[in-house]
Amino acid sequence: MSSHSRGFLFSPASCYPTPAAYVVDESGSVLHKWSNAIHQMEPEDNPPGYLRGWNHVEVDTDGSLFAIVPLRALLKLTPESKVEWSCDVAAHHDLAIRDDGMVFVLTEAPRRVLVDDGEYLILDNLVTLIDRCGFVKSEVSLYDILRTDSDLRRLIDNAIKRRSEIFQRRGWPAPDDQVPLEVVQETQAILMNTGYDGDLRRTLQRLRALPGSPCDVLHTNTLELLDAHPSGIWSRGDLLLCMRELNAVVVVDPASGKVRWWWGAEELSGPHQPSVLGGHILVFDNGVNERRTRLVMVNPNTRETVWNWSAQPPQSFFCPLAGGCEQLANGNLLVTNSTTGGAFELTMDGQIVWQLTLPVTAYGKERGRISIYRMSAVEADVIAQFATNEVL
């Protein structure tokens, strides 16, 4: 059995069409690997980067791997890479495993909405709950929940209208003017929940390709289960979310459908992977507008920044897409640079303990957008379950 105290999990974008997930140690040595090509699009279809491989992976305490096949399925694989179950949902970006083995995952669906008497086609983001056997138990609309807060409703509506105005200024057609008939028919069947027997992934891909429609205004990239906040701002079982296009970090109660807390619209730029540290919220602020990435921690009671870190000089660390940060068991932070395909451990006083860049010879070149979505820590008790003869 492995003697390593911890490992780091990721899935390289370059492994398509046979996606894989690896656990490596700080030196990059492979401690365990999963691989399975189920539900992958065919290479001759030339799918875009966001539909290749596994969007995100997480490991359970028993060594099982949960893998998101983007906009197609959530998989649960045994440590030996066999499919325990596959749930056919338009999954994307993130998932959260409950203590009872049930899983929350982000999904999406097209939806028509009214804003100031104007009709728009958007991609609604959903939180879908999947049971231990891989069956959908429930789902809630984030568009509906977010709009229960008047300020968030205004932020979303303004973003939808602003995007539409940009398309019109560029001289592009209104969303439905030149939509291929097959896409109109597919979308209508999905919206009406009747008569659709196609590949939802392909339909969502075609919708993204239409000028001005749909509006991916929510673009939720993080889903975390929370314990109760010390001062009662949120309760155990509430969800921490991050909306990249809105620059917003939000806590919602999925049971009541209400917003508990939110922040970031005037402070963040394309953020990812918020998490709770000692009652505060840590955020990976990609800094798209400033062309520098930083880590920032906010006090949710006062909404004041209580800690932040930037590289020196700040522009020397810039991760425009994906990426993230999370606290390790020793109190330090694991920081992922998705565009370069690497990660480093950072102390709270800003010292880099170690850093790792994934070798091109082992994991391939960056494929367009990102090399990896993000790394996450895997503790010793999970690693100990992987037999040495499984290490590749």
Protein backbone atom coordinates (compact mmCIF):
# COMPACT_ATOMS: atom_id res chain seq x y z
CA MET A 1 0.00 0.00 0.00
CA SER A 2 1.14 3.57 -0.58
CA SER A 3 2.93 5.37 2.24
CA HIS A 4 2.13 8.81 0.90
CA SER A 5 0.38 11.16 3.33
CA ARG A 6 -1.62 12.96 0.66
CA GLY A 7 -2.09 13.27 -3.04
CA PHE A 8 -3.58 15.62 -5.59
CA LEU A 9 -6.38 14.74 -8.00
CA PHE A 10 -6.88 16.14 -11.51
CA SER A 11 -7.98 15.18 -15.01
CA PRO A 12 -5.86 16.55 -17.89
CA ALA A 13 -7.69 18.02 -20.88
CA SER A 14 -5.23 16.33 -23.24
CA CYS A 15 -6.42 12.80 -22.40
CA TYR A 16 -9.46 12.96 -24.73
CA PRO A 17 -10.85 10.75 -26.29
CA THR A 18 -10.05 8.37 -23.41
CA PRO A 19 -10.32 10.60 -20.34
CA ALA A 20 -8.32 9.81 -17.24
CA ALA A 21 -7.97 11.11 -13.71
CA TYR A 22 -4.78 10.90 -11.71
CA VAL A 23 -3.71 11.18 -8.10
CA VAL A 24 -0.11 12.37 -7.89
CA ASP A 25 2.21 13.32 -5.06
CA GLU A 26 4.09 16.61 -4.73
CA SER A 27 6.79 15.42 -7.12
CA GLY A 28 4.26 14.40 -9.79
CA SER A 29 4.61 10.64 -9.27
CA VAL A 30 1.35 8.84 -10.06
CA LEU A 31 -0.30 7.18 -7.06
CA HIS A 32 -3.50 6.08 -8.79
CA LYS A 33 -5.31 6.40 -12.11
CA TRP A 34 -8.86 5.98 -13.38
CA SER A 35 -9.81 5.88 -17.06
CA ASN A 36 -13.03 5.19 -18.95
CA ALA A 37 -14.23 6.42 -22.35
CA ILE A 38 -17.98 5.96 -21.81
CA HIS A 39 -20.17 8.74 -23.28
CA GLN A 40 -17.28 10.56 -25.00
CA MET A 41 -18.02 12.29 -28.30
CA GLU A 42 -16.31 10.79 -31.34
CA PRO A 43 -13.09 12.52 -32.49
CA GLU A 44 -14.42 12.74 -36.07
CA ASP A 45 -17.20 15.00 -34.72
CA ASN A 46 -14.47 17.46 -33.67
CA PRO A 47 -16.24 18.54 -30.46
CA PRO A 48 -15.23 21.86 -28.89
CA GLY A 49 -12.83 21.80 -25.97
CA TYR A 50 -15.54 22.20 -23.34
CA LEU A 51 -17.18 18.92 -24.46
CA ARG A 52 -14.01 16.81 -24.42
CA GLY A 53 -12.92 14.53 -21.62
CA TRP A 54 -14.07 15.02 -18.04
CA ASN A 55 -15.05 18.52 -16.98
CA HIS A 56 -14.38 17.87 -13.28
CA VAL A 57 -13.57 14.91 -11.03
CA GLU A 58 -13.84 14.23 -7.29
CA VAL A 59 -12.95 11.18 -5.22
CA ASP A 60 -15.09 9.76 -2.42
CA THR A 61 -13.80 8.42 0.88
CA ASP A 62 -13.93 4.85 -0.45
CA GLY A 63 -11.79 5.64 -3.49
CA SER A 64 -14.66 5.88 -5.96
CA LEU A 65 -14.36 8.57 -8.61
CA PHE A 66 -17.17 10.92 -9.64
CA ALA A 67 -16.54 12.30 -13.13
CA ILE A 68 -18.53 14.87 -15.10
CA VAL A 69 -18.89 14.07 -18.80
CA PRO A 70 -19.73 17.65 -19.85
CA LEU A 71 -23.40 18.19 -20.71
CA ARG A 72 -23.91 14.41 -20.92
CA ALA A 73 -23.62 12.49 -17.64
CA LEU A 74 -22.31 12.14 -14.13
CA LEU A 75 -20.34 8.91 -13.67
CA LYS A 76 -19.41 6.96 -10.58
CA LEU A 77 -16.39 4.72 -11.17
CA THR A 78 -14.93 2.12 -8.86
CA PRO A 79 -11.22 2.40 -7.96
CA GLU A 80 -10.65 -0.08 -10.81
CA SER A 81 -12.37 2.30 -13.30
CA LYS A 82 -15.51 0.19 -13.75
CA VAL A 83 -18.77 2.13 -14.14
CA GLU A 84 -20.83 1.70 -10.98
CA TRP A 85 -23.52 3.94 -12.42
CA SER A 86 -24.07 6.61 -15.04
CA CYS A 87 -26.71 9.32 -14.61
CA ASP A 88 -27.81 10.97 -17.85
CA VAL A 89 -27.93 14.66 -16.97
CA ALA A 90 -26.46 17.77 -18.62
CA ALA A 91 -23.80 18.03 -15.93
CA HIS A 92 -21.13 20.70 -15.86
CA HIS A 93 -18.36 22.24 -13.73
CA ASP A 94 -18.87 20.92 -10.20
CA LEU A 95 -20.43 18.47 -7.77
CA ALA A 96 -20.69 17.98 -4.01
CA ILE A 97 -20.89 14.63 -2.22
CA ARG A 98 -23.13 14.43 0.83
CA ASP A 99 -22.26 12.38 3.89
CA ASP A 100 -25.03 9.92 2.98
CA GLY A 101 -23.52 9.27 -0.46
CA MET A 102 -26.02 11.34 -2.43
CA VAL A 103 -24.54 13.86 -4.84
CA PHE A 104 -25.43 17.40 -5.85
CA VAL A 105 -24.28 18.31 -9.37
CA LEU A 106 -24.64 21.41 -11.53
CA THR A 107 -26.72 20.85 -14.67
CA GLU A 108 -28.28 23.12 -17.28
CA ALA A 109 -31.26 23.45 -19.61
CA PRO A 110 -32.51 26.03 -22.13
CA ARG A 111 -35.23 28.33 -20.89
CA ARG A 112 -37.20 31.31 -22.19
CA VAL A 113 -37.46 34.24 -19.78
CA LEU A 114 -39.07 37.68 -19.81
CA VAL A 115 -37.08 40.79 -18.94
CA ASP A 116 -38.91 44.16 -19.23
CA ASP A 117 -41.42 42.60 -21.64
CA GLY A 118 -38.63 41.24 -23.82
CA GLU A 119 -38.25 37.49 -24.35
CA TYR A 120 -34.81 35.90 -24.16
CA LEU A 121 -33.48 32.38 -24.46
CA ILE A 122 -30.98 31.58 -21.71
CA LEU A 123 -29.25 28.56 -20.22
CA ASP A 124 -30.73 28.03 -16.80
CA ASN A 125 -28.36 26.43 -14.31
CA LEU A 126 -29.86 23.76 -12.06
CA VAL A 127 -28.77 21.96 -8.92
CA THR A 128 -29.64 18.29 -9.40
CA LEU A 129 -29.63 15.77 -6.54
CA ILE A 130 -28.65 12.20 -7.47
CA ASP A 131 -29.12 9.25 -5.12
CA ARG A 132 -26.59 6.54 -4.29
CA CYS A 133 -27.82 4.37 -7.17
CA GLY A 134 -27.43 7.10 -9.79
CA PHE A 135 -31.06 8.21 -10.11
CA VAL A 136 -32.22 11.83 -10.12
CA LYS A 137 -34.18 12.65 -6.96
CA SER A 138 -34.81 16.38 -7.41
CA GLU A 139 -33.64 19.54 -9.12
CA VAL A 140 -33.99 23.25 -8.44
CA SER A 141 -33.55 26.22 -10.78
CA LEU A 142 -30.81 28.66 -9.83
CA TYR A 143 -32.39 31.29 -12.05
CA ASP A 144 -35.54 31.11 -9.93
CA ILE A 145 -33.65 31.12 -6.62
CA LEU A 146 -31.32 33.99 -7.50
CA ARG A 147 -34.18 36.20 -8.63
CA THR A 148 -35.77 36.04 -5.16
CA ASP A 149 -33.11 38.59 -4.18
CA SER A 150 -33.97 41.99 -5.68
CA ASP A 151 -30.35 43.06 -6.18
CA LEU A 152 -29.39 39.79 -7.84
CA ARG A 153 -32.50 39.94 -10.00
CA ARG A 154 -31.47 43.39 -11.19
CA LEU A 155 -27.91 42.19 -11.82
CA ILE A 156 -29.10 39.22 -13.90
CA ASP A 157 -31.66 41.20 -15.90
CA ASN A 158 -29.17 43.95 -16.68
CA ALA A 159 -26.59 41.40 -17.80
CA ILE A 160 -29.10 39.72 -20.13
CA LYS A 161 -30.10 43.04 -21.69
CA ARG A 162 -26.49 44.22 -21.96
CA ARG A 163 -25.45 41.08 -23.80
CA SER A 164 -28.35 41.38 -26.19
CA GLU A 165 -27.49 45.02 -26.91
CA ILE A 166 -23.87 44.09 -27.64
CA PHE A 167 -24.98 41.51 -30.18
CA GLN A 168 -27.29 44.01 -31.84
CA ARG A 169 -24.59 46.71 -32.02
CA ARG A 170 -22.36 44.21 -33.80
CA GLY A 171 -25.04 43.83 -36.45
CA TRP A 172 -25.85 40.24 -35.60
CA PRO A 173 -29.42 39.02 -36.04
CA ALA A 174 -31.87 38.86 -33.20
CA PRO A 175 -31.65 35.50 -31.41
CA ASP A 176 -34.41 33.67 -33.28
CA ASP A 177 -34.11 35.30 -36.72
CA GLN A 178 -31.67 32.81 -38.25
CA VAL A 179 -31.93 29.80 -35.98
CA PRO A 180 -31.86 26.54 -37.97
CA LEU A 181 -35.23 24.82 -37.97
CA GLU A 182 -33.88 21.66 -36.34
CA VAL A 183 -32.52 23.69 -33.40
CA VAL A 184 -35.85 25.51 -33.04
CA GLN A 185 -37.68 22.18 -32.99
CA GLU A 186 -35.22 20.57 -30.56
CA THR A 187 -35.29 23.55 -28.21
CA GLN A 188 -39.07 23.72 -28.25
CA ALA A 189 -39.29 19.99 -27.47
CA ILE A 190 -36.94 20.43 -24.53
CA LEU A 191 -38.78 23.49 -23.24
CA MET A 192 -42.14 21.72 -23.51
CA ASN A 193 -40.69 18.48 -22.13
CA THR A 194 -42.20 16.50 -24.96
CA GLY A 195 -41.10 14.80 -28.14
CA TYR A 196 -37.34 15.22 -27.69
CA ASP A 197 -35.28 12.10 -28.29
CA GLY A 198 -32.00 13.64 -29.46
CA ASP A 199 -28.58 14.17 -27.87
CA LEU A 200 -29.08 17.05 -25.43
CA ARG A 201 -25.34 17.72 -25.47
CA ARG A 202 -25.38 18.40 -29.21
CA THR A 203 -28.43 20.64 -28.92
CA LEU A 204 -26.82 22.68 -26.15
CA GLN A 205 -23.67 22.95 -28.26
CA ARG A 206 -25.68 24.25 -31.24
CA LEU A 207 -27.50 26.74 -29.01
CA ARG A 208 -24.16 28.12 -27.82
CA ALA A 209 -23.09 28.62 -31.42
CA LEU A 210 -26.02 30.92 -32.22
CA PRO A 211 -25.19 34.64 -32.21
CA GLY A 212 -26.91 36.28 -29.28
CA SER A 213 -28.63 33.15 -28.02
CA PRO A 214 -28.65 31.64 -25.57
CA CYS A 215 -27.25 33.94 -22.92
CA ASP A 216 -24.96 31.97 -20.60
CA VAL A 217 -25.45 34.66 -18.00
CA LEU A 218 -25.32 32.45 -14.91
CA HIS A 219 -22.36 30.21 -15.81
CA THR A 220 -22.16 28.63 -12.36
CA ASN A 221 -18.77 27.00 -11.83
CA THR A 222 -18.74 26.00 -8.14
CA LEU A 223 -21.04 23.98 -5.90
CA GLU A 224 -20.07 23.37 -2.26
CA LEU A 225 -22.07 21.99 0.66
CA LEU A 226 -21.86 24.13 3.79
CA ASP A 227 -21.89 23.59 7.52
CA ALA A 228 -23.73 26.14 9.65
CA HIS A 229 -22.07 29.57 9.85
CA PRO A 230 -20.98 30.58 13.38
CA SER A 231 -23.14 33.70 13.33
CA GLY A 232 -26.13 32.09 11.59
CA ILE A 233 -25.76 33.67 8.14
CA TRP A 234 -26.38 30.26 6.61
CA SER A 235 -27.33 26.78 7.83
CA ARG A 236 -25.92 23.28 7.42
CA GLY A 237 -26.93 21.94 4.02
CA ASP A 238 -26.99 25.31 2.29
CA LEU A 239 -25.00 25.61 -0.95
CA LEU A 240 -22.11 27.89 -1.84
CA LEU A 241 -22.11 28.83 -5.54
CA CYS A 242 -20.00 30.96 -7.87
CA MET A 243 -21.29 32.68 -11.03
CA ARG A 244 -18.38 33.66 -13.27
CA GLU A 245 -20.24 36.05 -15.59
CA LEU A 246 -21.99 37.83 -12.70
CA ASN A 247 -18.77 38.02 -10.63
CA ALA A 248 -20.88 36.78 -7.74
CA VAL A 249 -20.38 34.35 -4.85
CA VAL A 250 -23.77 33.25 -3.50
CA VAL A 251 -25.11 31.10 -0.65
CA VAL A 252 -28.56 29.60 -1.24
CA ASP A 253 -30.95 27.40 0.70
CA PRO A 254 -32.08 24.76 -1.83
CA ALA A 255 -34.96 23.65 0.41
CA SER A 256 -36.64 27.05 0.72
CA GLY A 257 -35.39 28.38 -2.60
CA LYS A 258 -33.97 31.55 -1.01
CA VAL A 259 -30.71 33.46 -1.20
CA ARG A 260 -28.92 33.58 2.16
CA TRP A 261 -25.99 35.83 1.23
CA TRP A 262 -24.08 37.07 -1.78
CA TRP A 263 -21.11 39.29 -2.64
CA GLY A 264 -18.58 40.15 -5.32
CA ALA A 265 -20.19 42.06 -8.19
CA GLU A 266 -18.02 45.14 -7.61
CA GLU A 267 -14.97 43.24 -6.32
CA LEU A 268 -14.34 40.17 -8.48
CA SER A 269 -13.61 39.44 -12.14
CA GLY A 270 -14.41 35.96 -13.48
CA PRO A 271 -14.06 34.14 -10.11
CA HIS A 272 -13.90 30.41 -9.30
CA GLN A 273 -13.99 27.96 -6.38
CA PRO A 274 -15.06 29.87 -3.27
CA SER A 275 -14.81 27.93 -0.01
CA VAL A 276 -15.42 28.61 3.68
CA LEU A 277 -12.46 29.02 6.04
CA GLY A 278 -13.24 29.63 9.69
CA GLY A 279 -16.42 31.55 8.95
CA HIS A 280 -14.80 33.59 6.16
CA ILE A 281 -15.07 32.94 2.42
CA LEU A 282 -11.96 32.38 0.31
CA VAL A 283 -12.28 33.10 -3.43
CA PHE A 284 -10.03 32.47 -6.42
CA ASP A 285 -10.41 35.82 -8.20
CA ASN A 286 -9.23 35.18 -11.76
CA GLY A 287 -8.88 38.92 -12.35
CA VAL A 288 -9.87 38.76 -16.02
CA ASN A 289 -10.26 42.53 -16.35
CA GLU A 290 -7.06 43.33 -14.44
CA ARG A 291 -5.07 40.53 -16.11
CA ARG A 292 -3.81 39.30 -12.77
CA THR A 293 -5.12 36.57 -10.50
CA ARG A 294 -5.36 36.89 -6.72
CA LEU A 295 -6.76 35.05 -3.73
CA VAL A 296 -9.14 37.04 -1.56
CA MET A 297 -10.88 36.28 1.72
CA VAL A 298 -14.00 38.17 2.79
CA ASN A 299 -15.81 38.43 6.12
CA PRO A 300 -19.44 37.62 5.22
CA ASN A 301 -20.74 39.61 8.20
CA THR A 302 -19.04 42.89 7.21
CA ARG A 303 -18.34 42.11 3.52
CA GLU A 304 -14.82 43.43 4.09
CA THR A 305 -11.69 41.83 2.71
CA VAL A 306 -9.69 40.36 5.58
CA TRP A 307 -6.86 38.75 3.58
CA ASN A 308 -5.58 38.65 0.03
CA TRP A 309 -2.60 37.38 -1.91
CA SER A 310 -1.13 38.29 -5.28
CA ALA A 311 2.09 37.23 -6.92
CA GLN A 312 4.94 39.71 -7.18
CA PRO A 313 4.61 41.34 -9.58
CA PRO A 314 0.82 40.72 -9.68
CA GLN A 315 0.72 40.11 -13.44
CA SER A 316 3.19 37.23 -13.09
CA PHE A 317 0.31 34.98 -11.98
CA PHE A 318 -2.67 35.18 -14.32
CA CYS A 319 -5.15 32.33 -14.79
CA PRO A 320 -7.97 33.75 -16.97
CA LEU A 321 -10.06 30.55 -17.08
CA ALA A 322 -10.95 27.91 -14.47
CA GLY A 323 -8.42 27.44 -11.65
CA GLY A 324 -9.09 27.52 -7.94
CA CYS A 325 -7.83 27.36 -4.38
CA GLU A 326 -8.73 25.27 -1.35
CA GLN A 327 -7.39 24.83 2.16
CA LEU A 328 -5.27 21.80 2.93
CA ALA A 329 -5.36 19.87 6.21
CA ASN A 330 -2.22 21.67 7.40
CA GLY A 331 -3.85 25.10 6.97
CA ASN A 332 -1.98 26.02 3.79
CA LEU A 333 -3.71 26.58 0.45
CA LEU A 334 -3.62 24.46 -2.69
CA VAL A 335 -3.72 26.81 -5.70
CA THR A 336 -4.40 25.61 -9.26
CA ASN A 337 -3.20 27.39 -12.38
CA SER A 338 -5.39 25.74 -15.01
CA THR A 339 -3.92 27.46 -18.04
CA THR A 340 -0.37 26.26 -17.37
CA GLY A 341 -1.43 22.88 -15.97
CA GLY A 342 0.08 23.18 -12.53
CA ALA A 343 -0.46 23.87 -8.85
CA PHE A 344 1.41 25.11 -5.79
CA GLU A 345 1.03 25.08 -2.02
CA LEU A 346 0.87 28.51 -0.41
CA THR A 347 1.19 29.47 3.24
CA MET A 348 -1.11 32.15 4.63
CA ASP A 349 1.88 34.50 4.88
CA GLY A 350 2.47 34.15 1.14
CA GLN A 351 5.30 31.61 0.95
CA ILE A 352 5.24 28.93 -1.75
CA VAL A 353 6.04 25.56 -0.19
CA TRP A 354 6.20 23.55 -3.42
CA GLN A 355 4.95 23.83 -6.97
CA LEU A 356 4.24 21.35 -9.71
CA THR A 357 3.83 21.79 -13.45
CA LEU A 358 2.47 18.72 -15.20
CA PRO A 359 4.98 17.44 -17.78
CA VAL A 360 3.92 17.64 -21.42
CA THR A 361 5.56 14.28 -22.05
CA ALA A 362 3.18 12.58 -19.61
CA TYR A 363 -0.07 14.52 -20.00
CA GLY A 364 0.11 16.16 -23.41
CA LYS A 365 0.00 19.75 -24.55
CA GLU A 366 -2.61 22.25 -23.48
CA ARG A 367 -5.75 21.83 -25.58
CA GLY A 368 -7.00 25.31 -26.35
CA ARG A 369 -8.63 26.62 -23.19
CA ILE A 370 -7.13 24.93 -20.15
CA SER A 371 -4.77 22.08 -19.29
CA ILE A 372 -6.72 20.99 -16.20
CA TYR A 373 -9.86 22.27 -14.54
CA ARG A 374 -8.42 22.21 -11.03
CA MET A 375 -6.55 20.06 -8.55
CA SER A 376 -7.96 18.88 -5.24
CA ALA A 377 -6.35 17.22 -2.25
CA VAL A 378 -6.76 13.51 -1.53
CA GLU A 379 -5.91 12.49 2.02
CA ALA A 380 -3.83 9.53 3.21
CA ASP A 381 -6.73 7.29 4.27
CA VAL A 382 -8.09 7.35 0.71
CA ILE A 383 -4.69 6.86 -0.91
CA ALA A 384 -4.07 3.89 1.40
CA GLN A 385 -6.97 2.06 -0.27
CA PHE A 386 -5.19 1.99 -3.63
CA ALA A 387 -3.12 -1.18 -3.99
CA THR A 388 0.44 -0.68 -5.22
CA ASN A 389 -0.17 -3.01 -8.18
CA GLU A 390 -2.78 -0.54 -9.45
CA VAL A 391 -0.32 2.35 -9.61
CA LEU A 392 0.64 3.04 -13.22
